[in-house]
Amino acid sequence: MSRKERTIKRTDGWKNLITGLGSARTAKKSFTRHTLSPVMTDMELESLFYDDGLAARIVTLLPDDIFREGWDYTFPRLDKIASADLQEKYAAVMEELGAQQKIKDAFVWKRLYGGSAIFISALDGQTPDRPLNPKKIHSIEKLRVLEKGEIEFENIVWQTDPMKTRYGLPEMYRVRFELPDGRTVQAINVHWTRIIELHGDTLPKRAMAGISSENRYWGINVLQRANDRLQSLGSSLGSIDQLLSEVGMGKYKIKDLATLLSSPEGEAAIRRRVELTDLVKSTFRSMYLDTDEEYVRDNVSFQGVPEMLHILFMLIASDTGYPMTRLFGMSPAGMNATGESDMNNYYDMVRSMQTAQVLPVILRLVHLISQWKGWEEPYIEFRPLETMNEKERAELNRQNAEKEKIEAETYKAYIDAGVLEPYEVRFLKYGDTLEGISAAGGMPNVADTENG
């Protein structure tokens, strides 16, 4: 056996040299490589957001769900009266600033452009390029939402000292404040303590051809990954629209057509004949043809089109993280499918984003208000996303009523057995919220009972 023959046997492996299986002739996937798609420009993103309803829904739907129910301010260390008073105060300040809507707008723009920011316009006796001093704030004029493009990335001053806590982060921003007509009013330096950044989906920090440093720092927009699918859907719908105009295509068979077209008056004569036929057909719902003429109508088939569109919808939903039932409002497919599990998973994702992305922004603002006003800093609790219908609400009320009934019967049994006194049951049930009843003779003072 020659050396060449031994080499052929050793390298054959899973390839079939006769059929070509696994070789360059048939294994096309081994030559398929992913290439980086061009990063979408702000103009392309704005055009999609303006013209394409599905693209706009992809951008805005998640922020709508994140901020739909809002949040509450809680103070575990305070009593109910003091806690309720502070809740009202924080809610009033945040409402005056329009904080919930401003944060939501910032989330919309960071999803569209890949990044945004909130400028805290506070009067603290300092210029914007100086650190914000919360204890010297006279008033907070407003929260201004900045698109990524309003911050001059090339003019950001970075902290380059590895010994400083903000190493590798901005120390100073160059911000362009623009009028609604697009004119720049002024460009000023703003200290980092007056800016709250919101970033798009994270990208690797390594340099990559085709991705700028600005995009790597801010992140990518939500339409970038779905762009190819949206293009496929748009072209598919355009093709379907074209097919609808040709759903019934009429064909005229005319004897010696080629000869007639070659004559000087042939084209005009054929056009007049076809127009007359269409006119008679429209008016009398009948046709008059010569013995050598024939009219045939071909119907276009749309079989398989809904299935292909459904696949595209699934791919877009997968690229954007939305369930089909939420993004397209489509009923789930399959036997006994309700879409409940999909929505539960989606709401889990929304709650995760509330905790990871929204909570730090709110805490930054309430911390600032706390130092400004001298109030205790609250905990933030997001309200539940799911809303009960009338039937579910009635069932919950019934369960609570049954629980109260069982609890009352248990306490009555303890009183009848002499285990507890009525005032002790009242204290166990309501705590000190009925404090002062003893003064009216309803419940003895604890100190008095201890003294006999």
Foldseek 3Di string as FASTA:
>chain_A
DDPVVVVCVVPCPPADPVVRPPHPVPPVVVVDDDDDDFADDLVRLVVCCVPPPLSVCLLQVLLCLLPVQHWFWADVVDDPVVRVVVRVVVVVQCVVQVVSVLVSVQSSLCQSAFKKKKFFQWDQPDDQLDADDLQRTPGTPYIDIGHLVQWDPVPFDAACDPVDPRHGHTQKIWGFDADPVGHTPDTDIGGPNRMDMAGGAADDCDDDPNADNSCNVRDGHLCPQCVVLVVVLVVLVVVVVVCVVQQKPKDKDDPPLVVLVVDPCSVVVVVVVVVVQVVCCVPVVDGDDDPRMDMDIDGDDCPPVVVVVVVSLVVSCVSSVADSCSSVVDADDDPPGGCPVRVVVVQVVSVVCCVPGVVVVVQSVQVSVCSNVVHDRTDMGGDDSDDDDPVVVVVVVVVVVVVVVVVVVVVVVCVVVVNDPPLVVVCVVPNCPVPPVVVVVPHPDPVVVVVD
